[in-house]
Amino acid sequence: MRFIVNFLFLFLSVVNLSLVSATQNPFNIKVNINKASKEELRKIPGIGEVLASRIVEYREKVGGFKSIEELKNVKGIGEKKFEAIKPYVTLDTSSEKTNPPHIKGEVRNKVRTDEKRPRIYQYIDDQGVIRYTQFPELIPEKYRSTLKEVN
């Protein structure tokens, strides 16, 4: 009797573990489907060489994925496969630094070097505390002798 109880417990634990891993991302793998190479796509459980190639081909053909659900348009990815790989894919572009969409042309995605940094000044007050400001003209007259530019 004890053997049967232990077996059932072990069996239910394995079934529960497989259900959890099928619906979650236990290794916290997130692959950006708009940038990933075939090798990176193959890191997703359930994506092999052929399916990775199809994803890259589709992406190049349409100019990139607009939503994750577009993966269903790739041959070989149905509803079941999509639900299995969904936790592993992203369209995340937060790591990219881009200019706002209203900036057009060559200026877009370039770092501006002609901007000046604000000037920071420091002075020491009556208690000997160092204070910082961008507006030295607002410092009381008695502290102006200790005023220095920091940068």
C-alpha atoms as a PDB file:
ATOM      1  CA  MET A   1       0.000   0.000   0.000  1.00  0.00           C
ATOM      2  CA  ARG A   2       2.777   2.416   0.930  1.00  0.00           C
ATOM      3  CA  PHE A   3       4.471   1.709  -2.416  1.00  0.00           C
ATOM      4  CA  ILE A   4       1.326   2.697  -4.318  1.00  0.00           C
ATOM      5  CA  VAL A   5       0.947   5.926  -2.329  1.00  0.00           C
ATOM      6  CA  ASN A   6       4.605   6.844  -2.947  1.00  0.00           C
ATOM      7  CA  PHE A   7       4.273   6.024  -6.635  1.00  0.00           C
ATOM      8  CA  LEU A   8       1.138   8.162  -6.997  1.00  0.00           C
ATOM      9  CA  PHE A   9       2.794  11.039  -5.160  1.00  0.00           C
ATOM     10  CA  LEU A  10       5.855  10.853  -7.403  1.00  0.00           C
ATOM     11  CA  PHE A  11       3.733  10.532 -10.539  1.00  0.00           C
ATOM     12  CA  LEU A  12       1.560  13.546  -9.647  1.00  0.00           C
ATOM     13  CA  SER A  13       4.657  15.602  -8.805  1.00  0.00           C
ATOM     14  CA  VAL A  14       6.182  14.869 -12.220  1.00  0.00           C
ATOM     15  CA  VAL A  15       2.916  15.658 -14.017  1.00  0.00           C
ATOM     16  CA  ASN A  16       2.559  18.917 -12.071  1.00  0.00           C
ATOM     17  CA  LEU A  17       6.180  19.884 -12.829  1.00  0.00           C
ATOM     18  CA  SER A  18       5.744  19.243 -16.539  1.00  0.00           C
ATOM     19  CA  LEU A  19       2.566  21.345 -16.598  1.00  0.00           C
ATOM     20  CA  VAL A  20       4.297  24.220 -14.818  1.00  0.00           C
ATOM     21  CA  SER A  21       7.308  24.154 -17.130  1.00  0.00           C
ATOM     22  CA  ALA A  22       5.079  24.016 -20.191  1.00  0.00           C
ATOM     23  CA  THR A  23       3.281  27.219 -19.234  1.00  0.00           C
ATOM     24  CA  GLN A  24       6.141  29.152 -17.646  1.00  0.00           C
ATOM     25  CA  ASN A  25       9.679  30.118 -18.524  1.00  0.00           C
ATOM     26  CA  PRO A  26      11.767  28.372 -15.837  1.00  0.00           C
ATOM     27  CA  PHE A  27      15.125  29.603 -17.200  1.00  0.00           C
ATOM     28  CA  ASN A  28      13.892  33.159 -17.827  1.00  0.00           C
ATOM     29  CA  ILE A  29      14.984  33.018 -21.480  1.00  0.00           C
ATOM     30  CA  LYS A  30      13.621  35.901 -23.548  1.00  0.00           C
ATOM     31  CA  VAL A  31      14.512  36.060 -27.241  1.00  0.00           C
ATOM     32  CA  ASN A  32      13.740  39.167 -29.289  1.00  0.00           C
ATOM     33  CA  ILE A  33      12.192  37.686 -32.427  1.00  0.00           C
ATOM     34  CA  ASN A  34      12.933  40.809 -34.458  1.00  0.00           C
ATOM     35  CA  LYS A  35      16.685  40.607 -33.843  1.00  0.00           C
ATOM     36  CA  ALA A  36      17.517  37.009 -33.004  1.00  0.00           C
ATOM     37  CA  SER A  37      19.698  34.898 -35.246  1.00  0.00           C
ATOM     38  CA  LYS A  38      18.773  31.311 -36.115  1.00  0.00           C
ATOM     39  CA  GLU A  39      21.082  30.081 -33.353  1.00  0.00           C
ATOM     40  CA  GLU A  40      19.427  32.321 -30.772  1.00  0.00           C
ATOM     41  CA  LEU A  41      15.961  31.218 -31.876  1.00  0.00           C
ATOM     42  CA  ARG A  42      16.994  27.584 -31.449  1.00  0.00           C
ATOM     43  CA  LYS A  43      17.474  28.257 -27.707  1.00  0.00           C
ATOM     44  CA  ILE A  44      13.695  28.408 -27.405  1.00  0.00           C
ATOM     45  CA  PRO A  45      12.312  24.992 -26.418  1.00  0.00           C
ATOM     46  CA  GLY A  46      10.404  23.546 -29.376  1.00  0.00           C
ATOM     47  CA  ILE A  47      12.208  25.591 -32.038  1.00  0.00           C
ATOM     48  CA  GLY A  48      14.546  23.579 -34.226  1.00  0.00           C
ATOM     49  CA  GLU A  49      16.725  24.483 -37.174  1.00  0.00           C
ATOM     50  CA  VAL A  50      13.924  24.412 -39.748  1.00  0.00           C
ATOM     51  CA  LEU A  51      11.480  26.470 -37.692  1.00  0.00           C
ATOM     52  CA  ALA A  52      14.192  28.995 -36.799  1.00  0.00           C
ATOM     53  CA  SER A  53      14.951  29.399 -40.515  1.00  0.00           C
ATOM     54  CA  ARG A  54      11.263  29.912 -41.291  1.00  0.00           C
ATOM     55  CA  ILE A  55      10.956  32.567 -38.576  1.00  0.00           C
ATOM     56  CA  VAL A  56      13.960  34.479 -39.942  1.00  0.00           C
ATOM     57  CA  GLU A  57      12.659  34.193 -43.523  1.00  0.00           C
ATOM     58  CA  TYR A  58       9.213  35.458 -42.520  1.00  0.00           C
ATOM     59  CA  ARG A  59      10.743  38.319 -40.534  1.00  0.00           C
ATOM     60  CA  GLU A  60      12.858  39.407 -43.515  1.00  0.00           C
ATOM     61  CA  LYS A  61       9.905  39.091 -45.884  1.00  0.00           C
ATOM     62  CA  VAL A  62       7.513  41.264 -43.861  1.00  0.00           C
ATOM     63  CA  GLY A  63      10.112  43.619 -42.409  1.00  0.00           C
ATOM     64  CA  GLY A  64       9.841  42.460 -38.817  1.00  0.00           C
ATOM     65  CA  PHE A  65       7.153  41.312 -36.430  1.00  0.00           C
ATOM     66  CA  LYS A  66       4.645  43.891 -35.219  1.00  0.00           C
ATOM     67  CA  SER A  67       3.283  41.565 -32.528  1.00  0.00           C
ATOM     68  CA  ILE A  68       4.182  38.217 -31.032  1.00  0.00           C
ATOM     69  CA  GLU A  69       0.935  36.760 -32.383  1.00  0.00           C
ATOM     70  CA  GLU A  70       2.339  37.161 -35.916  1.00  0.00           C
ATOM     71  CA  LEU A  71       4.414  34.051 -35.203  1.00  0.00           C
ATOM     72  CA  LYS A  72       1.274  32.060 -36.012  1.00  0.00           C
ATOM     73  CA  ASN A  73       1.724  33.154 -39.641  1.00  0.00           C
ATOM     74  CA  VAL A  74       4.985  31.183 -39.832  1.00  0.00           C
ATOM     75  CA  LYS A  75       4.518  27.718 -41.334  1.00  0.00           C
ATOM     76  CA  GLY A  76       4.783  25.127 -38.573  1.00  0.00           C
ATOM     77  CA  ILE A  77       3.601  27.360 -35.735  1.00  0.00           C
ATOM     78  CA  GLY A  78       0.001  26.684 -34.831  1.00  0.00           C
ATOM     79  CA  GLU A  79      -1.933  27.628 -31.734  1.00  0.00           C
ATOM     80  CA  LYS A  80      -0.414  24.859 -29.614  1.00  0.00           C
ATOM     81  CA  LYS A  81       3.193  25.589 -30.616  1.00  0.00           C
ATOM     82  CA  PHE A  82       2.600  29.325 -30.202  1.00  0.00           C
ATOM     83  CA  GLU A  83       1.341  28.890 -26.637  1.00  0.00           C
ATOM     84  CA  ALA A  84       4.387  26.751 -25.832  1.00  0.00           C
ATOM     85  CA  ILE A  85       6.941  29.282 -27.118  1.00  0.00           C
ATOM     86  CA  LYS A  86       5.098  32.472 -26.119  1.00  0.00           C
ATOM     87  CA  PRO A  87       6.792  32.797 -22.681  1.00  0.00           C
ATOM     88  CA  TYR A  88      10.207  32.718 -24.374  1.00  0.00           C
ATOM     89  CA  VAL A  89       9.739  35.423 -27.020  1.00  0.00           C
ATOM     90  CA  THR A  90       9.645  39.202 -26.865  1.00  0.00           C
ATOM     91  CA  LEU A  91       9.586  42.239 -29.105  1.00  0.00           C
ATOM     92  CA  ASP A  92      11.356  44.242 -26.414  1.00  0.00           C
ATOM     93  CA  THR A  93      13.104  47.314 -27.760  1.00  0.00           C
ATOM     94  CA  SER A  94      13.722  49.011 -24.430  1.00  0.00           C
ATOM     95  CA  SER A  95      17.458  48.358 -24.672  1.00  0.00           C
ATOM     96  CA  GLU A  96      17.648  50.489 -27.815  1.00  0.00           C
ATOM     97  CA  LYS A  97      18.051  54.215 -27.412  1.00  0.00           C
ATOM     98  CA  THR A  98      16.098  56.005 -30.107  1.00  0.00           C
ATOM     99  CA  ASN A  99      14.972  59.538 -30.692  1.00  0.00           C
ATOM    100  CA  PRO A 100      11.273  60.377 -30.550  1.00  0.00           C
ATOM    101  CA  PRO A 101       9.356  59.504 -33.741  1.00  0.00           C
ATOM    102  CA  HIS A 102       8.896  63.164 -34.737  1.00  0.00           C
ATOM    103  CA  ILE A 103      12.660  63.497 -35.395  1.00  0.00           C
ATOM    104  CA  LYS A 104      13.338  62.462 -38.968  1.00  0.00           C
ATOM    105  CA  GLY A 105      16.289  62.010 -41.281  1.00  0.00           C
ATOM    106  CA  GLU A 106      19.954  61.631 -40.418  1.00  0.00           C
ATOM    107  CA  VAL A 107      19.549  63.141 -36.964  1.00  0.00           C
ATOM    108  CA  ARG A 108      17.558  60.112 -35.844  1.00  0.00           C
ATOM    109  CA  ASN A 109      19.382  57.673 -33.507  1.00  0.00           C
ATOM    110  CA  LYS A 110      22.463  59.907 -33.221  1.00  0.00           C
ATOM    111  CA  VAL A 111      23.793  61.148 -29.924  1.00  0.00           C
ATOM    112  CA  ARG A 112      23.860  64.914 -29.735  1.00  0.00           C
ATOM    113  CA  THR A 113      27.293  66.213 -28.813  1.00  0.00           C
ATOM    114  CA  ASP A 114      26.592  69.917 -29.255  1.00  0.00           C
ATOM    115  CA  GLU A 115      24.480  70.173 -26.113  1.00  0.00           C
ATOM    116  CA  LYS A 116      26.150  71.890 -23.173  1.00  0.00           C
ATOM    117  CA  ARG A 117      25.983  70.431 -19.744  1.00  0.00           C
ATOM    118  CA  PRO A 118      24.581  72.728 -17.067  1.00  0.00           C
ATOM    119  CA  ARG A 119      27.153  74.461 -14.886  1.00  0.00           C
ATOM    120  CA  ILE A 120      27.159  73.374 -11.266  1.00  0.00           C
ATOM    121  CA  TYR A 121      28.470  75.600  -8.480  1.00  0.00           C
ATOM    122  CA  GLN A 122      29.209  74.863  -4.866  1.00  0.00           C
ATOM    123  CA  TYR A 123      29.395  77.098  -1.803  1.00  0.00           C
ATOM    124  CA  ILE A 124      29.736  76.612   1.936  1.00  0.00           C
ATOM    125  CA  ASP A 125      27.023  77.884   4.268  1.00  0.00           C
ATOM    126  CA  ASP A 126      27.258  79.062   7.927  1.00  0.00           C
ATOM    127  CA  GLN A 127      27.247  75.518   9.347  1.00  0.00           C
ATOM    128  CA  GLY A 128      30.057  74.393   7.008  1.00  0.00           C
ATOM    129  CA  VAL A 129      27.713  72.365   4.804  1.00  0.00           C
ATOM    130  CA  ILE A 130      28.631  72.250   1.122  1.00  0.00           C
ATOM    131  CA  ARG A 131      25.657  73.294  -1.003  1.00  0.00           C
ATOM    132  CA  TYR A 132      25.256  72.915  -4.781  1.00  0.00           C
ATOM    133  CA  THR A 133      23.353  75.080  -7.248  1.00  0.00           C
ATOM    134  CA  GLN A 134      22.976  75.873 -10.938  1.00  0.00           C
ATOM    135  CA  PHE A 135      22.039  79.464 -10.153  1.00  0.00           C
ATOM    136  CA  PRO A 136      24.956  81.305  -8.497  1.00  0.00           C
ATOM    137  CA  GLU A 137      23.169  84.631  -8.818  1.00  0.00           C
ATOM    138  CA  LEU A 138      20.633  83.450  -6.212  1.00  0.00           C
ATOM    139  CA  ILE A 139      23.259  82.721  -3.531  1.00  0.00           C
ATOM    140  CA  PRO A 140      23.240  85.216  -0.650  1.00  0.00           C
ATOM    141  CA  GLU A 141      26.090  87.729  -0.718  1.00  0.00           C
ATOM    142  CA  LYS A 142      27.731  86.397   2.454  1.00  0.00           C
ATOM    143  CA  TYR A 143      28.405  82.989   0.781  1.00  0.00           C
ATOM    144  CA  ARG A 144      29.788  84.303  -2.516  1.00  0.00           C
ATOM    145  CA  SER A 145      33.385  84.242  -1.272  1.00  0.00           C
ATOM    146  CA  THR A 146      33.172  80.414  -1.038  1.00  0.00           C
ATOM    147  CA  LEU A 147      31.526  80.003  -4.464  1.00  0.00           C
ATOM    148  CA  LYS A 148      33.356  77.664  -6.906  1.00  0.00           C
ATOM    149  CA  GLU A 149      32.411  76.070 -10.200  1.00  0.00           C
ATOM    150  CA  VAL A 150      32.408  72.251  -9.900  1.00  0.00           C
ATOM    151  CA  ASN A 151      32.514  71.195 -13.540  1.00  0.00           C
END
